[in-house]
Amino acid sequence: MSQQAVLLEKEWTQEEWLSLPEGPPFYELEEGKLLLIPSPCREHQQITGLLFARLHDYCRQSGAGTVVMEVDVALPNGRGYTPDLAFSAREREGQLLAADGKVHGAPDLVVEVLSPSTR
């Protein structure tokens, strides 16, 4: 995890995190703390975009499932993250991809591209 600023010294709930307006800025939720996610650099975005394009093409051709970029993932333990990429297998799409546009539960695959600040 990168060095992230902790915002507002209060306990945040997953419900509060999910109700935040769509970013930027983007936030993650860990142990009740709201964390500001730093903006990615150009190289990070290029790598993420290339990986998304390849996975998206594969999913479209094979029907394996759905891959999305930078979607909020609400985990059962109350934490919330916004991974660079998240894949949900076709068999689990209905369980994970909610009407609110968020992923509820652990995706089948999460990709997080490391930046210099996270190495």
PDB file of N, CA and C in Angstrom:
ATOM      1  N   MET A   1       0.845  -1.172   0.000  1.00  0.00           N
ATOM      2  CA  MET A   1       0.000   0.000   0.000  1.00  0.00           C
ATOM      3  C   MET A   1       0.889   1.233   0.000  1.00  0.00           C
ATOM      4  N   SER A   2       0.539   2.232  -0.767  1.00  0.00           N
ATOM      5  CA  SER A   2       1.317   3.460  -0.836  1.00  0.00           C
ATOM      6  C   SER A   2       1.109   4.299   0.416  1.00  0.00           C
ATOM      7  N   GLN A   3       1.945   5.314   0.548  1.00  0.00           N
ATOM      8  CA  GLN A   3       1.774   6.225   1.668  1.00  0.00           C
ATOM      9  C   GLN A   3       0.566   7.096   1.371  1.00  0.00           C
ATOM     10  N   GLN A   4      -0.453   6.965   2.198  1.00  0.00           N
ATOM     11  CA  GLN A   4      -1.704   7.662   1.963  1.00  0.00           C
ATOM     12  C   GLN A   4      -2.023   8.546   3.154  1.00  0.00           C
ATOM     13  N   ALA A   5      -2.625   9.684   2.874  1.00  0.00           N
ATOM     14  CA  ALA A   5      -3.031  10.601   3.933  1.00  0.00           C
ATOM     15  C   ALA A   5      -4.312  10.094   4.581  1.00  0.00           C
ATOM     16  N   VAL A   6      -4.326  10.078   5.901  1.00  0.00           N
ATOM     17  CA  VAL A   6      -5.535   9.714   6.639  1.00  0.00           C
ATOM     18  C   VAL A   6      -6.371  10.974   6.781  1.00  0.00           C
ATOM     19  N   LEU A   7      -7.639  10.882   6.417  1.00  0.00           N
ATOM     20  CA  LEU A   7      -8.523  12.036   6.458  1.00  0.00           C
ATOM     21  C   LEU A   7      -9.480  11.954   7.630  1.00  0.00           C
ATOM     22  N   LEU A   8      -9.697  13.060   8.253  1.00  0.00           N
ATOM     23  CA  LEU A   8     -10.671  13.199   9.328  1.00  0.00           C
ATOM     24  C   LEU A   8     -10.523  12.109  10.380  1.00  0.00           C
ATOM     25  N   GLU A   9     -10.161  12.510  11.536  1.00  0.00           N
ATOM     26  CA  GLU A   9      -9.926  11.573  12.636  1.00  0.00           C
ATOM     27  C   GLU A   9     -11.234  11.058  13.219  1.00  0.00           C
ATOM     28  N   LYS A  10     -12.026  10.421  12.421  1.00  0.00           N
ATOM     29  CA  LYS A  10     -13.263   9.790  12.880  1.00  0.00           C
ATOM     30  C   LYS A  10     -13.311   8.391  12.313  1.00  0.00           C
ATOM     31  N   GLU A  11     -14.118   7.562  12.895  1.00  0.00           N
ATOM     32  CA  GLU A  11     -14.328   6.215  12.367  1.00  0.00           C
ATOM     33  C   GLU A  11     -15.296   6.300  11.186  1.00  0.00           C
ATOM     34  N   TRP A  12     -14.873   5.803  10.047  1.00  0.00           N
ATOM     35  CA  TRP A  12     -15.724   5.767   8.864  1.00  0.00           C
ATOM     36  C   TRP A  12     -16.306   4.369   8.732  1.00  0.00           C
ATOM     37  N   THR A  13     -17.558   4.297   8.327  1.00  0.00           N
ATOM     38  CA  THR A  13     -18.182   3.006   8.050  1.00  0.00           C
ATOM     39  C   THR A  13     -18.091   2.737   6.551  1.00  0.00           C
ATOM     40  N   GLN A  14     -18.271   1.481   6.186  1.00  0.00           N
ATOM     41  CA  GLN A  14     -18.270   1.137   4.772  1.00  0.00           C
ATOM     42  C   GLN A  14     -19.422   1.839   4.055  1.00  0.00           C
ATOM     43  N   GLU A  15     -20.549   1.953   4.712  1.00  0.00           N
ATOM     44  CA  GLU A  15     -21.705   2.642   4.122  1.00  0.00           C
ATOM     45  C   GLU A  15     -21.364   4.103   3.810  1.00  0.00           C
ATOM     46  N   GLU A  16     -20.683   4.775   4.730  1.00  0.00           N
ATOM     47  CA  GLU A  16     -20.276   6.168   4.493  1.00  0.00           C
ATOM     48  C   GLU A  16     -19.291   6.249   3.333  1.00  0.00           C
ATOM     49  N   TRP A  17     -18.343   5.324   3.300  1.00  0.00           N
ATOM     50  CA  TRP A  17     -17.354   5.304   2.215  1.00  0.00           C
ATOM     51  C   TRP A  17     -18.040   5.101   0.865  1.00  0.00           C
ATOM     52  N   LEU A  18     -18.977   4.156   0.818  1.00  0.00           N
ATOM     53  CA  LEU A  18     -19.677   3.881  -0.434  1.00  0.00           C
ATOM     54  C   LEU A  18     -20.543   5.052  -0.887  1.00  0.00           C
ATOM     55  N   SER A  19     -20.957   5.910   0.036  1.00  0.00           N
ATOM     56  CA  SER A  19     -21.826   7.034  -0.321  1.00  0.00           C
ATOM     57  C   SER A  19     -21.047   8.291  -0.716  1.00  0.00           C
ATOM     58  N   LEU A  20     -19.717   8.249  -0.647  1.00  0.00           N
ATOM     59  CA  LEU A  20     -18.930   9.410  -1.073  1.00  0.00           C
ATOM     60  C   LEU A  20     -19.155   9.663  -2.559  1.00  0.00           C
ATOM     61  N   PRO A  21     -19.087  10.926  -2.998  1.00  0.00           N
ATOM     62  CA  PRO A  21     -19.241  11.199  -4.425  1.00  0.00           C
ATOM     63  C   PRO A  21     -18.106  10.565  -5.226  1.00  0.00           C
ATOM     64  N   GLU A  22     -18.405  10.256  -6.478  1.00  0.00           N
ATOM     65  CA  GLU A  22     -17.404   9.661  -7.350  1.00  0.00           C
ATOM     66  C   GLU A  22     -16.230  10.622  -7.503  1.00  0.00           C
ATOM     67  N   GLY A  23     -15.014  10.088  -7.439  1.00  0.00           N
ATOM     68  CA  GLY A  23     -13.808  10.930  -7.499  1.00  0.00           C
ATOM     69  C   GLY A  23     -13.440  11.320  -8.904  1.00  0.00           C
ATOM     70  N   PRO A  24     -12.371  12.072  -9.095  1.00  0.00           N
ATOM     71  CA  PRO A  24     -11.369  12.338  -8.069  1.00  0.00           C
ATOM     72  C   PRO A  24     -11.830  13.409  -7.094  1.00  0.00           C
ATOM     73  N   PRO A  25     -11.221  13.432  -5.927  1.00  0.00           N
ATOM     74  CA  PRO A  25     -10.225  12.500  -5.406  1.00  0.00           C
ATOM     75  C   PRO A  25     -10.854  11.154  -5.057  1.00  0.00           C
ATOM     76  N   PHE A  26      -9.992  10.136  -4.936  1.00  0.00           N
ATOM     77  CA  PHE A  26     -10.430   8.784  -4.610  1.00  0.00           C
ATOM     78  C   PHE A  26      -9.954   8.417  -3.215  1.00  0.00           C
ATOM     79  N   TYR A  27     -10.747   7.592  -2.555  1.00  0.00           N
ATOM     80  CA  TYR A  27     -10.444   7.193  -1.183  1.00  0.00           C
ATOM     81  C   TYR A  27     -10.576   5.684  -1.031  1.00  0.00           C
ATOM     82  N   GLU A  28      -9.842   5.135  -0.072  1.00  0.00           N
ATOM     83  CA  GLU A  28     -10.004   3.753   0.344  1.00  0.00           C
ATOM     84  C   GLU A  28     -10.319   3.751   1.833  1.00  0.00           C
ATOM     85  N   LEU A  29     -10.850   2.644   2.307  1.00  0.00           N
ATOM     86  CA  LEU A  29     -11.249   2.530   3.706  1.00  0.00           C
ATOM     87  C   LEU A  29     -10.535   1.343   4.328  1.00  0.00           C
ATOM     88  N   GLU A  30      -9.773   1.611   5.375  1.00  0.00           N
ATOM     89  CA  GLU A  30      -9.057   0.539   6.062  1.00  0.00           C
ATOM     90  C   GLU A  30      -9.140   0.749   7.566  1.00  0.00           C
ATOM     91  N   GLU A  31      -9.683  -0.255   8.239  1.00  0.00           N
ATOM     92  CA  GLU A  31      -9.818  -0.221   9.694  1.00  0.00           C
ATOM     93  C   GLU A  31     -10.488   1.063  10.181  1.00  0.00           C
ATOM     94  N   GLY A  32     -11.534   1.485   9.470  1.00  0.00           N
ATOM     95  CA  GLY A  32     -12.296   2.662   9.863  1.00  0.00           C
ATOM     96  C   GLY A  32     -11.667   3.985   9.492  1.00  0.00           C
ATOM     97  N   LYS A  33     -10.519   3.956   8.823  1.00  0.00           N
ATOM     98  CA  LYS A  33      -9.833   5.190   8.432  1.00  0.00           C
ATOM     99  C   LYS A  33     -10.015   5.430   6.939  1.00  0.00           C
ATOM    100  N   LEU A  34     -10.365   6.653   6.587  1.00  0.00           N
ATOM    101  CA  LEU A  34     -10.514   7.051   5.194  1.00  0.00           C
ATOM    102  C   LEU A  34      -9.148   7.489   4.682  1.00  0.00           C
ATOM    103  N   LEU A  35      -8.664   6.846   3.617  1.00  0.00           N
ATOM    104  CA  LEU A  35      -7.336   7.112   3.077  1.00  0.00           C
ATOM    105  C   LEU A  35      -7.441   7.743   1.698  1.00  0.00           C
ATOM    106  N   LEU A  36      -6.731   8.830   1.494  1.00  0.00           N
ATOM    107  CA  LEU A  36      -6.683   9.493   0.193  1.00  0.00           C
ATOM    108  C   LEU A  36      -5.706   8.740  -0.695  1.00  0.00           C
ATOM    109  N   ILE A  37      -6.143   8.365  -1.885  1.00  0.00           N
ATOM    110  CA  ILE A  37      -5.286   7.650  -2.826  1.00  0.00           C
ATOM    111  C   ILE A  37      -4.562   8.680  -3.690  1.00  0.00           C
ATOM    112  N   PRO A  38      -3.224   8.638  -3.737  1.00  0.00           N
ATOM    113  CA  PRO A  38      -2.489   9.585  -4.580  1.00  0.00           C
ATOM    114  C   PRO A  38      -2.794   9.354  -6.063  1.00  0.00           C
ATOM    115  N   SER A  39      -2.721  10.408  -6.851  1.00  0.00           N
ATOM    116  CA  SER A  39      -2.935  10.291  -8.296  1.00  0.00           C
ATOM    117  C   SER A  39      -1.804   9.479  -8.913  1.00  0.00           C
ATOM    118  N   PRO A  40      -2.134   8.575  -9.844  1.00  0.00           N
ATOM    119  CA  PRO A  40      -1.095   7.764 -10.474  1.00  0.00           C
ATOM    120  C   PRO A  40      -0.303   8.564 -11.502  1.00  0.00           C
ATOM    121  N   CYS A  41       0.930   8.120 -11.740  1.00  0.00           N
ATOM    122  CA  CYS A  41       1.776   8.772 -12.740  1.00  0.00           C
ATOM    123  C   CYS A  41       1.411   8.258 -14.137  1.00  0.00           C
ATOM    124  N   ARG A  42       1.972   8.884 -15.147  1.00  0.00           N
ATOM    125  CA  ARG A  42       1.682   8.539 -16.542  1.00  0.00           C
ATOM    126  C   ARG A  42       2.028   7.078 -16.841  1.00  0.00           C
ATOM    127  N   GLU A  43       3.208   6.637 -16.414  1.00  0.00           N
ATOM    128  CA  GLU A  43       3.624   5.260 -16.686  1.00  0.00           C
ATOM    129  C   GLU A  43       2.664   4.255 -16.037  1.00  0.00           C
ATOM    130  N   HIS A  44       2.240   4.547 -14.833  1.00  0.00           N
ATOM    131  CA  HIS A  44       1.279   3.690 -14.129  1.00  0.00           C
ATOM    132  C   HIS A  44      -0.006   3.572 -14.942  1.00  0.00           C
ATOM    133  N   GLN A  45      -0.501   4.688 -15.446  1.00  0.00           N
ATOM    134  CA  GLN A  45      -1.739   4.686 -16.230  1.00  0.00           C
ATOM    135  C   GLN A  45      -1.566   3.920 -17.539  1.00  0.00           C
ATOM    136  N   GLN A  46      -0.411   4.057 -18.179  1.00  0.00           N
ATOM    137  CA  GLN A  46      -0.168   3.333 -19.427  1.00  0.00           C
ATOM    138  C   GLN A  46      -0.166   1.823 -19.193  1.00  0.00           C
ATOM    139  N   ILE A  47       0.504   1.385 -18.136  1.00  0.00           N
ATOM    140  CA  ILE A  47       0.557  -0.041 -17.819  1.00  0.00           C
ATOM    141  C   ILE A  47      -0.835  -0.559 -17.473  1.00  0.00           C
ATOM    142  N   THR A  48      -1.552   0.182 -16.649  1.00  0.00           N
ATOM    143  CA  THR A  48      -2.905  -0.224 -16.269  1.00  0.00           C
ATOM    144  C   THR A  48      -3.809  -0.310 -17.496  1.00  0.00           C
ATOM    145  N   GLY A  49      -3.714   0.677 -18.376  1.00  0.00           N
ATOM    146  CA  GLY A  49      -4.531   0.684 -19.586  1.00  0.00           C
ATOM    147  C   GLY A  49      -4.235  -0.494 -20.496  1.00  0.00           C
ATOM    148  N   LEU A  50      -2.950  -0.818 -20.648  1.00  0.00           N
ATOM    149  CA  LEU A  50      -2.560  -1.956 -21.483  1.00  0.00           C
ATOM    150  C   LEU A  50      -3.084  -3.268 -20.897  1.00  0.00           C
ATOM    151  N   LEU A  51      -2.911  -3.452 -19.595  1.00  0.00           N
ATOM    152  CA  LEU A  51      -3.417  -4.665 -18.948  1.00  0.00           C
ATOM    153  C   LEU A  51      -4.936  -4.768 -19.071  1.00  0.00           C
ATOM    154  N   PHE A  52      -5.627  -3.645 -18.873  1.00  0.00           N
ATOM    155  CA  PHE A  52      -7.083  -3.646 -19.005  1.00  0.00           C
ATOM    156  C   PHE A  52      -7.493  -4.054 -20.418  1.00  0.00           C
ATOM    157  N   ALA A  53      -6.851  -3.466 -21.433  1.00  0.00           N
ATOM    158  CA  ALA A  53      -7.207  -3.766 -22.822  1.00  0.00           C
ATOM    159  C   ALA A  53      -7.039  -5.253 -23.120  1.00  0.00           C
ATOM    160  N   ARG A  54      -5.934  -5.832 -22.672  1.00  0.00           N
ATOM    161  CA  ARG A  54      -5.689  -7.260 -22.923  1.00  0.00           C
ATOM    162  C   ARG A  54      -6.717  -8.139 -22.199  1.00  0.00           C
ATOM    163  N   LEU A  55      -6.947  -7.842 -20.929  1.00  0.00           N
ATOM    164  CA  LEU A  55      -7.915  -8.639 -20.167  1.00  0.00           C
ATOM    165  C   LEU A  55      -9.336  -8.459 -20.697  1.00  0.00           C
ATOM    166  N   HIS A  56      -9.674  -7.230 -21.080  1.00  0.00           N
ATOM    167  CA  HIS A  56     -11.007  -6.964 -21.616  1.00  0.00           C
ATOM    168  C   HIS A  56     -11.224  -7.731 -22.922  1.00  0.00           C
ATOM    169  N   ASP A  57     -10.237  -7.702 -23.818  1.00  0.00           N
ATOM    170  CA  ASP A  57     -10.346  -8.445 -25.075  1.00  0.00           C
ATOM    171  C   ASP A  57     -10.524  -9.938 -24.810  1.00  0.00           C
ATOM    172  N   TYR A  58      -9.733 -10.463 -23.880  1.00  0.00           N
ATOM    173  CA  TYR A  58      -9.844 -11.882 -23.544  1.00  0.00           C
ATOM    174  C   TYR A  58     -11.239 -12.202 -23.003  1.00  0.00           C
ATOM    175  N   CYS A  59     -11.726 -11.388 -22.096  1.00  0.00           N
ATOM    176  CA  CYS A  59     -13.055 -11.620 -21.508  1.00  0.00           C
ATOM    177  C   CYS A  59     -14.149 -11.552 -22.561  1.00  0.00           C
ATOM    178  N   ARG A  60     -14.038 -10.596 -23.468  1.00  0.00           N
ATOM    179  CA  ARG A  60     -15.048 -10.448 -24.514  1.00  0.00           C
ATOM    180  C   ARG A  60     -15.042 -11.658 -25.447  1.00  0.00           C
ATOM    181  N   GLN A  61     -13.855 -12.132 -25.825  1.00  0.00           N
ATOM    182  CA  GLN A  61     -13.759 -13.255 -26.754  1.00  0.00           C
ATOM    183  C   GLN A  61     -14.132 -14.587 -26.111  1.00  0.00           C
ATOM    184  N   SER A  62     -13.773 -14.762 -24.851  1.00  0.00           N
ATOM    185  CA  SER A  62     -13.971 -16.057 -24.197  1.00  0.00           C
ATOM    186  C   SER A  62     -15.256 -16.139 -23.379  1.00  0.00           C
ATOM    187  N   GLY A  63     -15.814 -14.977 -23.023  1.00  0.00           N
ATOM    188  CA  GLY A  63     -16.979 -14.971 -22.142  1.00  0.00           C
ATOM    189  C   GLY A  63     -16.633 -15.348 -20.710  1.00  0.00           C
ATOM    190  N   ALA A  64     -15.354 -15.200 -20.352  1.00  0.00           N
ATOM    191  CA  ALA A  64     -14.873 -15.628 -19.029  1.00  0.00           C
ATOM    192  C   ALA A  64     -15.443 -14.806 -17.885  1.00  0.00           C
ATOM    193  N   GLY A  65     -15.763 -13.548 -18.146  1.00  0.00           N
ATOM    194  CA  GLY A  65     -16.255 -12.690 -17.075  1.00  0.00           C
ATOM    195  C   GLY A  65     -16.103 -11.232 -17.444  1.00  0.00           C
ATOM    196  N   THR A  66     -15.966 -10.391 -16.418  1.00  0.00           N
ATOM    197  CA  THR A  66     -15.898  -8.948 -16.605  1.00  0.00           C
ATOM    198  C   THR A  66     -14.684  -8.389 -15.887  1.00  0.00           C
ATOM    199  N   VAL A  67     -13.972  -7.499 -16.564  1.00  0.00           N
ATOM    200  CA  VAL A  67     -12.856  -6.789 -15.942  1.00  0.00           C
ATOM    201  C   VAL A  67     -13.202  -5.303 -15.936  1.00  0.00           C
ATOM    202  N   VAL A  68     -12.926  -4.636 -14.824  1.00  0.00           N
ATOM    203  CA  VAL A  68     -13.209  -3.210 -14.693  1.00  0.00           C
ATOM    204  C   VAL A  68     -11.989  -2.505 -14.118  1.00  0.00           C
ATOM    205  N   MET A  69     -11.903  -1.203 -14.386  1.00  0.00           N
ATOM    206  CA  MET A  69     -10.810  -0.378 -13.870  1.00  0.00           C
ATOM    207  C   MET A  69     -11.319   0.494 -12.736  1.00  0.00           C
ATOM    208  N   GLU A  70     -10.512   0.605 -11.694  1.00  0.00           N
ATOM    209  CA  GLU A  70     -10.732   1.560 -10.607  1.00  0.00           C
ATOM    210  C   GLU A  70     -12.179   1.603 -10.118  1.00  0.00           C
ATOM    211  N   VAL A  71     -12.688   0.446  -9.752  1.00  0.00           N
ATOM    212  CA  VAL A  71     -14.042   0.362  -9.198  1.00  0.00           C
ATOM    213  C   VAL A  71     -13.921   0.132  -7.692  1.00  0.00           C
ATOM    214  N   ASP A  72     -14.847   0.698  -6.941  1.00  0.00           N
ATOM    215  CA  ASP A  72     -14.846   0.483  -5.496  1.00  0.00           C
ATOM    216  C   ASP A  72     -15.204  -0.970  -5.194  1.00  0.00           C
ATOM    217  N   VAL A  73     -14.404  -1.588  -4.325  1.00  0.00           N
ATOM    218  CA  VAL A  73     -14.621  -2.969  -3.900  1.00  0.00           C
ATOM    219  C   VAL A  73     -14.893  -2.953  -2.400  1.00  0.00           C
ATOM    220  N   ALA A  74     -16.115  -3.302  -2.022  1.00  0.00           N
ATOM    221  CA  ALA A  74     -16.524  -3.349  -0.613  1.00  0.00           C
ATOM    222  C   ALA A  74     -16.386  -4.788  -0.124  1.00  0.00           C
ATOM    223  N   LEU A  75     -15.467  -5.014   0.802  1.00  0.00           N
ATOM    224  CA  LEU A  75     -15.210  -6.358   1.312  1.00  0.00           C
ATOM    225  C   LEU A  75     -16.074  -6.655   2.537  1.00  0.00           C
ATOM    226  N   PRO A  76     -16.363  -7.931   2.781  1.00  0.00           N
ATOM    227  CA  PRO A  76     -17.206  -8.297   3.922  1.00  0.00           C
ATOM    228  C   PRO A  76     -16.636  -7.869   5.277  1.00  0.00           C
ATOM    229  N   ASN A  77     -15.327  -7.662   5.376  1.00  0.00           N
ATOM    230  CA  ASN A  77     -14.714  -7.271   6.654  1.00  0.00           C
ATOM    231  C   ASN A  77     -14.843  -5.778   6.943  1.00  0.00           C
ATOM    232  N   GLY A  78     -15.579  -5.046   6.093  1.00  0.00           N
ATOM    233  CA  GLY A  78     -15.796  -3.622   6.312  1.00  0.00           C
ATOM    234  C   GLY A  78     -14.787  -2.721   5.639  1.00  0.00           C
ATOM    235  N   ARG A  79     -13.769  -3.297   5.043  1.00  0.00           N
ATOM    236  CA  ARG A  79     -12.774  -2.493   4.334  1.00  0.00           C
ATOM    237  C   ARG A  79     -13.257  -2.208   2.918  1.00  0.00           C
ATOM    238  N   GLY A  80     -12.679  -1.172   2.315  1.00  0.00           N
ATOM    239  CA  GLY A  80     -13.037  -0.809   0.955  1.00  0.00           C
ATOM    240  C   GLY A  80     -11.826  -0.329   0.192  1.00  0.00           C
ATOM    241  N   TYR A  81     -11.630  -0.871  -0.990  1.00  0.00           N
ATOM    242  CA  TYR A  81     -10.469  -0.534  -1.802  1.00  0.00           C
ATOM    243  C   TYR A  81     -10.899  -0.196  -3.222  1.00  0.00           C
ATOM    244  N   THR A  82     -10.005   0.477  -3.926  1.00  0.00           N
ATOM    245  CA  THR A  82     -10.222   0.797  -5.334  1.00  0.00           C
ATOM    246  C   THR A  82      -9.014   0.290  -6.110  1.00  0.00           C
ATOM    247  N   PRO A  83      -8.997  -1.006  -6.451  1.00  0.00           N
ATOM    248  CA  PRO A  83      -7.841  -1.553  -7.161  1.00  0.00           C
ATOM    249  C   PRO A  83      -7.775  -1.027  -8.589  1.00  0.00           C
ATOM    250  N   ASP A  84      -6.590  -1.117  -9.176  1.00  0.00           N
ATOM    251  CA  ASP A  84      -6.431  -0.672 -10.559  1.00  0.00           C
ATOM    252  C   ASP A  84      -7.331  -1.478 -11.491  1.00  0.00           C
ATOM    253  N   LEU A  85      -7.360  -2.796 -11.324  1.00  0.00           N
ATOM    254  CA  LEU A  85      -8.215  -3.673 -12.125  1.00  0.00           C
ATOM    255  C   LEU A  85      -8.858  -4.711 -11.219  1.00  0.00           C
ATOM    256  N   ALA A  86     -10.084  -5.086 -11.545  1.00  0.00           N
ATOM    257  CA  ALA A  86     -10.765  -6.163 -10.823  1.00  0.00           C
ATOM    258  C   ALA A  86     -11.497  -7.031 -11.844  1.00  0.00           C
ATOM    259  N   PHE A  87     -11.332  -8.342 -11.717  1.00  0.00           N
ATOM    260  CA  PHE A  87     -11.977  -9.306 -12.604  1.00  0.00           C
ATOM    261  C   PHE A  87     -12.952 -10.147 -11.799  1.00  0.00           C
ATOM    262  N   SER A  88     -14.142 -10.331 -12.348  1.00  0.00           N
ATOM    263  CA  SER A  88     -15.142 -11.222 -11.762  1.00  0.00           C
ATOM    264  C   SER A  88     -15.513 -12.267 -12.801  1.00  0.00           C
ATOM    265  N   ALA A  89     -15.370 -13.538 -12.441  1.00  0.00           N
ATOM    266  CA  ALA A  89     -15.727 -14.627 -13.348  1.00  0.00           C
ATOM    267  C   ALA A  89     -17.220 -14.582 -13.648  1.00  0.00           C
ATOM    268  N   ARG A  90     -17.573 -15.013 -14.838  1.00  0.00           N
ATOM    269  CA  ARG A  90     -18.967 -14.987 -15.288  1.00  0.00           C
ATOM    270  C   ARG A  90     -19.901 -15.631 -14.267  1.00  0.00           C
ATOM    271  N   GLU A  91     -19.462 -16.740 -13.665  1.00  0.00           N
ATOM    272  CA  GLU A  91     -20.302 -17.463 -12.710  1.00  0.00           C
ATOM    273  C   GLU A  91     -20.603 -16.646 -11.460  1.00  0.00           C
ATOM    274  N   ARG A  92     -19.768 -15.648 -11.151  1.00  0.00           N
ATOM    275  CA  ARG A  92     -19.933 -14.873  -9.914  1.00  0.00           C
ATOM    276  C   ARG A  92     -20.344 -13.425 -10.159  1.00  0.00           C
ATOM    277  N   GLU A  93     -20.475 -13.020 -11.412  1.00  0.00           N
ATOM    278  CA  GLU A  93     -20.795 -11.620 -11.711  1.00  0.00           C
ATOM    279  C   GLU A  93     -22.035 -11.148 -10.972  1.00  0.00           C
ATOM    280  N   GLY A  94     -23.079 -11.941 -10.979  1.00  0.00           N
ATOM    281  CA  GLY A  94     -24.328 -11.554 -10.327  1.00  0.00           C
ATOM    282  C   GLY A  94     -24.192 -11.378  -8.828  1.00  0.00           C
ATOM    283  N   GLN A  95     -23.267 -12.110  -8.229  1.00  0.00           N
ATOM    284  CA  GLN A  95     -23.040 -12.004  -6.787  1.00  0.00           C
ATOM    285  C   GLN A  95     -22.214 -10.771  -6.441  1.00  0.00           C
ATOM    286  N   LEU A  96     -21.310 -10.370  -7.326  1.00  0.00           N
ATOM    287  CA  LEU A  96     -20.335  -9.327  -7.001  1.00  0.00           C
ATOM    288  C   LEU A  96     -20.668  -7.956  -7.568  1.00  0.00           C
ATOM    289  N   LEU A  97     -21.156  -7.894  -8.791  1.00  0.00           N
ATOM    290  CA  LEU A  97     -21.381  -6.609  -9.454  1.00  0.00           C
ATOM    291  C   LEU A  97     -22.776  -6.111  -9.115  1.00  0.00           C
ATOM    292  N   ALA A  98     -22.840  -5.123  -8.242  1.00  0.00           N
ATOM    293  CA  ALA A  98     -24.119  -4.634  -7.721  1.00  0.00           C
ATOM    294  C   ALA A  98     -24.696  -3.521  -8.587  1.00  0.00           C
ATOM    295  N   ALA A  99     -25.973  -3.246  -8.382  1.00  0.00           N
ATOM    296  CA  ALA A  99     -26.675  -2.202  -9.127  1.00  0.00           C
ATOM    297  C   ALA A  99     -26.087  -0.821  -8.875  1.00  0.00           C
ATOM    298  N   ASP A 100     -25.425  -0.633  -7.740  1.00  0.00           N
ATOM    299  CA  ASP A 100     -24.827   0.672  -7.437  1.00  0.00           C
ATOM    300  C   ASP A 100     -23.513   0.904  -8.182  1.00  0.00           C
ATOM    301  N   GLY A 101     -23.105  -0.053  -9.028  1.00  0.00           N
ATOM    302  CA  GLY A 101     -21.884   0.101  -9.807  1.00  0.00           C
ATOM    303  C   GLY A 101     -20.623  -0.292  -9.065  1.00  0.00           C
ATOM    304  N   LYS A 102     -20.773  -0.787  -7.861  1.00  0.00           N
ATOM    305  CA  LYS A 102     -19.632  -1.184  -7.036  1.00  0.00           C
ATOM    306  C   LYS A 102     -19.539  -2.710  -7.010  1.00  0.00           C
ATOM    307  N   VAL A 103     -18.390  -3.206  -6.565  1.00  0.00           N
ATOM    308  CA  VAL A 103     -18.205  -4.640  -6.373  1.00  0.00           C
ATOM    309  C   VAL A 103     -18.375  -4.921  -4.887  1.00  0.00           C
ATOM    310  N   HIS A 104     -19.273  -5.835  -4.559  1.00  0.00           N
ATOM    311  CA  HIS A 104     -19.525  -6.203  -3.165  1.00  0.00           C
ATOM    312  C   HIS A 104     -19.036  -7.635  -2.959  1.00  0.00           C
ATOM    313  N   GLY A 105     -17.909  -7.784  -2.297  1.00  0.00           N
ATOM    314  CA  GLY A 105     -17.266  -9.080  -2.099  1.00  0.00           C
ATOM    315  C   GLY A 105     -15.923  -9.087  -2.801  1.00  0.00           C
ATOM    316  N   ALA A 106     -15.174 -10.154  -2.583  1.00  0.00           N
ATOM    317  CA  ALA A 106     -13.827 -10.251  -3.153  1.00  0.00           C
ATOM    318  C   ALA A 106     -13.893 -10.673  -4.617  1.00  0.00           C
ATOM    319  N   PRO A 107     -13.330  -9.866  -5.529  1.00  0.00           N
ATOM    320  CA  PRO A 107     -13.270 -10.268  -6.933  1.00  0.00           C
ATOM    321  C   PRO A 107     -12.410 -11.523  -7.086  1.00  0.00           C
ATOM    322  N   ASP A 108     -12.513 -12.166  -8.235  1.00  0.00           N
ATOM    323  CA  ASP A 108     -11.701 -13.351  -8.503  1.00  0.00           C
ATOM    324  C   ASP A 108     -10.242 -12.991  -8.744  1.00  0.00           C
ATOM    325  N   LEU A 109     -10.003 -11.795  -9.243  1.00  0.00           N
ATOM    326  CA  LEU A 109      -8.640 -11.321  -9.481  1.00  0.00           C
ATOM    327  C   LEU A 109      -8.611  -9.820  -9.266  1.00  0.00           C
ATOM    328  N   VAL A 110      -7.592  -9.359  -8.564  1.00  0.00           N
ATOM    329  CA  VAL A 110      -7.356  -7.927  -8.383  1.00  0.00           C
ATOM    330  C   VAL A 110      -5.942  -7.646  -8.860  1.00  0.00           C
ATOM    331  N   VAL A 111      -5.771  -6.576  -9.635  1.00  0.00           N
ATOM    332  CA  VAL A 111      -4.451  -6.161 -10.104  1.00  0.00           C
ATOM    333  C   VAL A 111      -4.170  -4.777  -9.560  1.00  0.00           C
ATOM    334  N   GLU A 112      -3.044  -4.639  -8.921  1.00  0.00           N
ATOM    335  CA  GLU A 112      -2.587  -3.350  -8.403  1.00  0.00           C
ATOM    336  C   GLU A 112      -1.204  -3.100  -8.992  1.00  0.00           C
ATOM    337  N   VAL A 113      -1.088  -2.092  -9.846  1.00  0.00           N
ATOM    338  CA  VAL A 113       0.188  -1.742 -10.467  1.00  0.00           C
ATOM    339  C   VAL A 113       0.981  -0.902  -9.476  1.00  0.00           C
ATOM    340  N   LEU A 114       2.201  -1.322  -9.204  1.00  0.00           N
ATOM    341  CA  LEU A 114       3.036  -0.596  -8.251  1.00  0.00           C
ATOM    342  C   LEU A 114       3.638   0.645  -8.890  1.00  0.00           C
ATOM    343  N   SER A 115       3.648   1.709  -8.139  1.00  0.00           N
ATOM    344  CA  SER A 115       4.307   2.953  -8.526  1.00  0.00           C
ATOM    345  C   SER A 115       5.563   3.083  -7.675  1.00  0.00           C
ATOM    346  N   PRO A 116       6.463   3.991  -8.023  1.00  0.00           N
ATOM    347  CA  PRO A 116       7.679   4.148  -7.214  1.00  0.00           C
ATOM    348  C   PRO A 116       7.388   4.340  -5.726  1.00  0.00           C
ATOM    349  N   SER A 117       6.298   5.007  -5.384  1.00  0.00           N
ATOM    350  CA  SER A 117       5.986   5.254  -3.974  1.00  0.00           C
ATOM    351  C   SER A 117       5.484   4.008  -3.247  1.00  0.00           C
ATOM    352  N   THR A 118       5.144   2.944  -3.987  1.00  0.00           N
ATOM    353  CA  THR A 118       4.612   1.738  -3.351  1.00  0.00           C
ATOM    354  C   THR A 118       5.588   0.572  -3.400  1.00  0.00           C
ATOM    355  N   ARG A 119       6.777   0.787  -3.894  1.00  0.00           N
ATOM    356  CA  ARG A 119       7.756  -0.308  -4.007  1.00  0.00           C
ATOM    357  C   ARG A 119       8.513  -0.494  -2.737  1.00  0.00           C
TER     358      ARG A 119
END
